[in-house]
Amino acid sequence: MKMLRAVAVLIIAVIPIAFGQTNTGSKKGGSVEQTLMNTEQEINDAVVKGDTSAFEKYFADDSLFTDPGGMVMDKAQTIADFKSGNLKIESSKLEDMKVHVHGNAAVVTYGTTDKGAYKGKDISGNYRWTDVFVKRNGRWQIVAGQGTRVGQQ
């Protein structure tokens, strides 16, 4: 019985410490993980609307993005693709999102099922994405991103 109590006390003591390692809270009262998941959803919603304001807000000026075709673009080039109408996303569903926080840096991975076109060519399909965030001046910003098309199984 003493052993069971000791284990219970240890579990009760360790769980808050373990969660405290990554649940560092944002100004809105949620966890960093939830904040970044909400950010990714906001960006995704804006992409479908063709609205570049989320890119302006969340992408660092020095950010780089590697698209599924292997082209590396900076923030201005990424925004220009949307503004020009070259990239049109009709729908995009986020799934399987995971956030790994490492101090003032975080890596977010997720999948999407997209329907859209790039320069008139259909790019609909399933994709995996990785975004690297850094907290600068109290704000989480994407400094690097990468997308990969997932082949049909």
C-alpha atoms as a PDB file:
ATOM      1  CA  MET A   1       0.000   0.000   0.000  1.00  0.00           C
ATOM      2  CA  LYS A   2       2.843   2.399   0.811  1.00  0.00           C
ATOM      3  CA  MET A   3       4.370   1.639  -2.590  1.00  0.00           C
ATOM      4  CA  LEU A   4       1.063   2.446  -4.351  1.00  0.00           C
ATOM      5  CA  ARG A   5       0.820   5.783  -2.505  1.00  0.00           C
ATOM      6  CA  ALA A   6       4.429   6.606  -3.355  1.00  0.00           C
ATOM      7  CA  VAL A   7       3.794   5.912  -7.052  1.00  0.00           C
ATOM      8  CA  ALA A   8       0.587   7.984  -6.976  1.00  0.00           C
ATOM      9  CA  VAL A   9       2.389  10.924  -5.340  1.00  0.00           C
ATOM     10  CA  LEU A  10       5.213  10.659  -7.878  1.00  0.00           C
ATOM     11  CA  ILE A  11       2.771  10.661 -10.801  1.00  0.00           C
ATOM     12  CA  ILE A  12       0.865  13.628  -9.399  1.00  0.00           C
ATOM     13  CA  ALA A  13       4.131  15.519  -8.904  1.00  0.00           C
ATOM     14  CA  VAL A  14       5.682  14.657 -12.282  1.00  0.00           C
ATOM     15  CA  ILE A  15       2.728  15.250 -14.628  1.00  0.00           C
ATOM     16  CA  PRO A  16       2.546  19.048 -14.098  1.00  0.00           C
ATOM     17  CA  ILE A  17       6.318  19.281 -14.520  1.00  0.00           C
ATOM     18  CA  ALA A  18       6.196  17.302 -17.756  1.00  0.00           C
ATOM     19  CA  PHE A  19       3.396  19.412 -19.203  1.00  0.00           C
ATOM     20  CA  GLY A  20       5.130  22.557 -18.012  1.00  0.00           C
ATOM     21  CA  GLN A  21       8.033  21.828 -20.331  1.00  0.00           C
ATOM     22  CA  THR A  22       6.019  22.682 -23.433  1.00  0.00           C
ATOM     23  CA  ASN A  23       2.865  24.350 -22.161  1.00  0.00           C
ATOM     24  CA  THR A  24       4.343  27.793 -21.646  1.00  0.00           C
ATOM     25  CA  GLY A  25       1.145  29.722 -22.280  1.00  0.00           C
ATOM     26  CA  SER A  26       0.437  32.601 -24.587  1.00  0.00           C
ATOM     27  CA  LYS A  27      -1.004  36.002 -23.797  1.00  0.00           C
ATOM     28  CA  LYS A  28      -4.447  34.629 -24.690  1.00  0.00           C
ATOM     29  CA  GLY A  29      -4.189  32.042 -21.929  1.00  0.00           C
ATOM     30  CA  GLY A  30      -3.751  29.041 -24.225  1.00  0.00           C
ATOM     31  CA  SER A  31      -0.686  26.906 -24.717  1.00  0.00           C
ATOM     32  CA  VAL A  32       2.017  27.697 -27.229  1.00  0.00           C
ATOM     33  CA  GLU A  33       0.969  24.571 -29.100  1.00  0.00           C
ATOM     34  CA  GLN A  34      -2.634  25.777 -29.375  1.00  0.00           C
ATOM     35  CA  THR A  35      -1.493  29.262 -30.381  1.00  0.00           C
ATOM     36  CA  LEU A  36       0.581  27.841 -33.247  1.00  0.00           C
ATOM     37  CA  MET A  37      -2.189  25.466 -34.319  1.00  0.00           C
ATOM     38  CA  ASN A  38      -4.593  28.428 -34.436  1.00  0.00           C
ATOM     39  CA  THR A  39      -2.005  30.391 -36.438  1.00  0.00           C
ATOM     40  CA  GLU A  40      -1.706  27.580 -38.997  1.00  0.00           C
ATOM     41  CA  GLN A  41      -5.509  27.418 -39.296  1.00  0.00           C
ATOM     42  CA  GLU A  42      -5.697  31.186 -39.779  1.00  0.00           C
ATOM     43  CA  ILE A  43      -3.058  31.018 -42.522  1.00  0.00           C
ATOM     44  CA  ASN A  44      -4.859  28.097 -44.179  1.00  0.00           C
ATOM     45  CA  ASP A  45      -8.199  29.936 -44.109  1.00  0.00           C
ATOM     46  CA  ALA A  46      -6.555  33.017 -45.640  1.00  0.00           C
ATOM     47  CA  VAL A  47      -4.941  30.931 -48.409  1.00  0.00           C
ATOM     48  CA  VAL A  48      -8.350  29.611 -49.457  1.00  0.00           C
ATOM     49  CA  LYS A  49      -9.718  33.183 -49.536  1.00  0.00           C
ATOM     50  CA  GLY A  50      -6.703  34.427 -51.523  1.00  0.00           C
ATOM     51  CA  ASP A  51      -5.987  36.834 -48.659  1.00  0.00           C
ATOM     52  CA  THR A  52      -2.282  37.557 -48.109  1.00  0.00           C
ATOM     53  CA  SER A  53      -2.702  39.378 -44.776  1.00  0.00           C
ATOM     54  CA  ALA A  54      -1.834  36.208 -42.807  1.00  0.00           C
ATOM     55  CA  PHE A  55       1.459  35.954 -44.707  1.00  0.00           C
ATOM     56  CA  GLU A  56       2.226  39.559 -43.829  1.00  0.00           C
ATOM     57  CA  LYS A  57       1.351  38.929 -40.199  1.00  0.00           C
ATOM     58  CA  TYR A  58       2.966  35.547 -39.520  1.00  0.00           C
ATOM     59  CA  PHE A  59       5.864  35.151 -41.968  1.00  0.00           C
ATOM     60  CA  ALA A  60       9.159  36.745 -40.961  1.00  0.00           C
ATOM     61  CA  ASP A  61      10.540  39.187 -43.520  1.00  0.00           C
ATOM     62  CA  ASP A  62      13.553  36.877 -43.935  1.00  0.00           C
ATOM     63  CA  SER A  63      11.491  33.677 -44.195  1.00  0.00           C
ATOM     64  CA  LEU A  64      12.099  31.087 -46.896  1.00  0.00           C
ATOM     65  CA  PHE A  65       9.634  28.565 -48.279  1.00  0.00           C
ATOM     66  CA  THR A  66      10.408  25.477 -50.338  1.00  0.00           C
ATOM     67  CA  ASP A  67       7.367  24.549 -52.401  1.00  0.00           C
ATOM     68  CA  PRO A  68       6.399  20.972 -53.337  1.00  0.00           C
ATOM     69  CA  GLY A  69       8.185  21.407 -56.681  1.00  0.00           C
ATOM     70  CA  GLY A  70      11.463  22.289 -54.967  1.00  0.00           C
ATOM     71  CA  MET A  71      11.428  26.031 -55.709  1.00  0.00           C
ATOM     72  CA  VAL A  72      12.750  28.182 -52.850  1.00  0.00           C
ATOM     73  CA  MET A  73      10.920  31.470 -52.418  1.00  0.00           C
ATOM     74  CA  ASP A  74      11.139  34.360 -49.993  1.00  0.00           C
ATOM     75  CA  LYS A  75       8.161  36.044 -48.354  1.00  0.00           C
ATOM     76  CA  ALA A  76       7.691  38.578 -51.162  1.00  0.00           C
ATOM     77  CA  GLN A  77       7.702  35.883 -53.858  1.00  0.00           C
ATOM     78  CA  THR A  78       5.210  33.757 -51.926  1.00  0.00           C
ATOM     79  CA  ILE A  79       2.839  36.697 -51.519  1.00  0.00           C
ATOM     80  CA  ALA A  80       3.263  37.666 -55.181  1.00  0.00           C
ATOM     81  CA  ASP A  81       2.090  34.197 -56.310  1.00  0.00           C
ATOM     82  CA  PHE A  82      -1.211  34.723 -54.510  1.00  0.00           C
ATOM     83  CA  LYS A  83      -1.673  38.371 -55.482  1.00  0.00           C
ATOM     84  CA  SER A  84      -0.989  37.626 -59.157  1.00  0.00           C
ATOM     85  CA  GLY A  85      -3.562  34.854 -59.196  1.00  0.00           C
ATOM     86  CA  ASN A  86      -0.914  32.296 -60.206  1.00  0.00           C
ATOM     87  CA  LEU A  87      -1.762  30.234 -57.117  1.00  0.00           C
ATOM     88  CA  LYS A  88      -5.422  29.599 -56.394  1.00  0.00           C
ATOM     89  CA  ILE A  89      -6.506  27.266 -53.626  1.00  0.00           C
ATOM     90  CA  GLU A  90     -10.208  26.420 -53.752  1.00  0.00           C
ATOM     91  CA  SER A  91     -10.214  24.289 -50.618  1.00  0.00           C
ATOM     92  CA  SER A  92      -7.710  22.979 -48.093  1.00  0.00           C
ATOM     93  CA  LYS A  93      -8.369  20.706 -45.133  1.00  0.00           C
ATOM     94  CA  LEU A  94      -5.771  20.546 -42.331  1.00  0.00           C
ATOM     95  CA  GLU A  95      -5.151  17.230 -40.578  1.00  0.00           C
ATOM     96  CA  ASP A  96      -2.735  15.420 -38.300  1.00  0.00           C
ATOM     97  CA  MET A  97      -1.127  18.588 -36.902  1.00  0.00           C
ATOM     98  CA  LYS A  98       1.707  18.220 -34.406  1.00  0.00           C
ATOM     99  CA  VAL A  99       3.623  20.979 -32.621  1.00  0.00           C
ATOM    100  CA  HIS A 100       7.052  20.547 -31.028  1.00  0.00           C
ATOM    101  CA  VAL A 101       8.204  23.516 -28.962  1.00  0.00           C
ATOM    102  CA  HIS A 102      11.912  24.038 -28.240  1.00  0.00           C
ATOM    103  CA  GLY A 103      12.211  27.219 -26.177  1.00  0.00           C
ATOM    104  CA  ASN A 104      11.789  30.161 -28.548  1.00  0.00           C
ATOM    105  CA  ALA A 105      11.539  27.877 -31.581  1.00  0.00           C
ATOM    106  CA  ALA A 106       8.863  25.431 -32.679  1.00  0.00           C
ATOM    107  CA  VAL A 107       8.289  22.975 -35.501  1.00  0.00           C
ATOM    108  CA  VAL A 108       4.765  22.388 -36.785  1.00  0.00           C
ATOM    109  CA  THR A 109       3.976  19.467 -39.086  1.00  0.00           C
ATOM    110  CA  TYR A 110       0.623  18.695 -40.670  1.00  0.00           C
ATOM    111  CA  GLY A 111      -1.096  17.331 -43.727  1.00  0.00           C
ATOM    112  CA  THR A 112      -3.567  18.918 -46.106  1.00  0.00           C
ATOM    113  CA  THR A 113      -5.988  17.749 -48.718  1.00  0.00           C
ATOM    114  CA  ASP A 114      -6.087  20.547 -51.267  1.00  0.00           C
ATOM    115  CA  LYS A 115      -7.999  21.484 -54.388  1.00  0.00           C
ATOM    116  CA  GLY A 116      -6.361  24.184 -56.465  1.00  0.00           C
ATOM    117  CA  ALA A 117      -4.288  25.281 -59.409  1.00  0.00           C
ATOM    118  CA  TYR A 118      -0.912  26.875 -60.074  1.00  0.00           C
ATOM    119  CA  LYS A 119      -0.651  28.864 -63.298  1.00  0.00           C
ATOM    120  CA  GLY A 120      -3.707  27.002 -64.556  1.00  0.00           C
ATOM    121  CA  LYS A 121      -2.313  23.526 -63.802  1.00  0.00           C
ATOM    122  CA  ASP A 122      -4.261  21.349 -61.358  1.00  0.00           C
ATOM    123  CA  ILE A 123      -2.293  20.804 -58.140  1.00  0.00           C
ATOM    124  CA  SER A 124      -5.077  19.113 -56.177  1.00  0.00           C
ATOM    125  CA  GLY A 125      -3.937  16.357 -53.864  1.00  0.00           C
ATOM    126  CA  ASN A 126      -2.515  15.465 -50.469  1.00  0.00           C
ATOM    127  CA  TYR A 127       0.476  17.291 -49.017  1.00  0.00           C
ATOM    128  CA  ARG A 128       2.680  17.229 -45.903  1.00  0.00           C
ATOM    129  CA  TRP A 129       3.988  20.515 -44.530  1.00  0.00           C
ATOM    130  CA  THR A 130       6.646  21.593 -42.051  1.00  0.00           C
ATOM    131  CA  ASP A 131       6.816  25.130 -40.678  1.00  0.00           C
ATOM    132  CA  VAL A 132       9.560  26.412 -38.384  1.00  0.00           C
ATOM    133  CA  PHE A 133       8.519  29.192 -36.013  1.00  0.00           C
ATOM    134  CA  VAL A 134      10.765  31.478 -33.958  1.00  0.00           C
ATOM    135  CA  LYS A 135       9.516  33.767 -31.230  1.00  0.00           C
ATOM    136  CA  ARG A 136      10.843  37.263 -31.953  1.00  0.00           C
ATOM    137  CA  ASN A 137       9.905  40.350 -29.966  1.00  0.00           C
ATOM    138  CA  GLY A 138       7.111  38.398 -28.288  1.00  0.00           C
ATOM    139  CA  ARG A 139       5.574  37.166 -31.578  1.00  0.00           C
ATOM    140  CA  TRP A 140       5.725  33.736 -33.203  1.00  0.00           C
ATOM    141  CA  GLN A 141       6.828  34.015 -36.842  1.00  0.00           C
ATOM    142  CA  ILE A 142       7.452  31.448 -39.542  1.00  0.00           C
ATOM    143  CA  VAL A 143      11.090  31.578 -40.634  1.00  0.00           C
ATOM    144  CA  ALA A 144      11.064  28.492 -42.871  1.00  0.00           C
ATOM    145  CA  GLY A 145       8.487  26.232 -44.457  1.00  0.00           C
ATOM    146  CA  GLN A 146       8.479  23.249 -46.751  1.00  0.00           C
ATOM    147  CA  GLY A 147       5.784  21.273 -48.564  1.00  0.00           C
ATOM    148  CA  THR A 148       5.838  17.807 -50.079  1.00  0.00           C
ATOM    149  CA  ARG A 149       3.195  16.228 -52.274  1.00  0.00           C
ATOM    150  CA  VAL A 150       2.151  12.847 -50.942  1.00  0.00           C
ATOM    151  CA  GLY A 151       1.817  10.231 -53.673  1.00  0.00           C
ATOM    152  CA  GLN A 152      -1.289   8.138 -53.999  1.00  0.00           C
ATOM    153  CA  GLN A 153      -1.079   4.823 -52.169  1.00  0.00           C
END
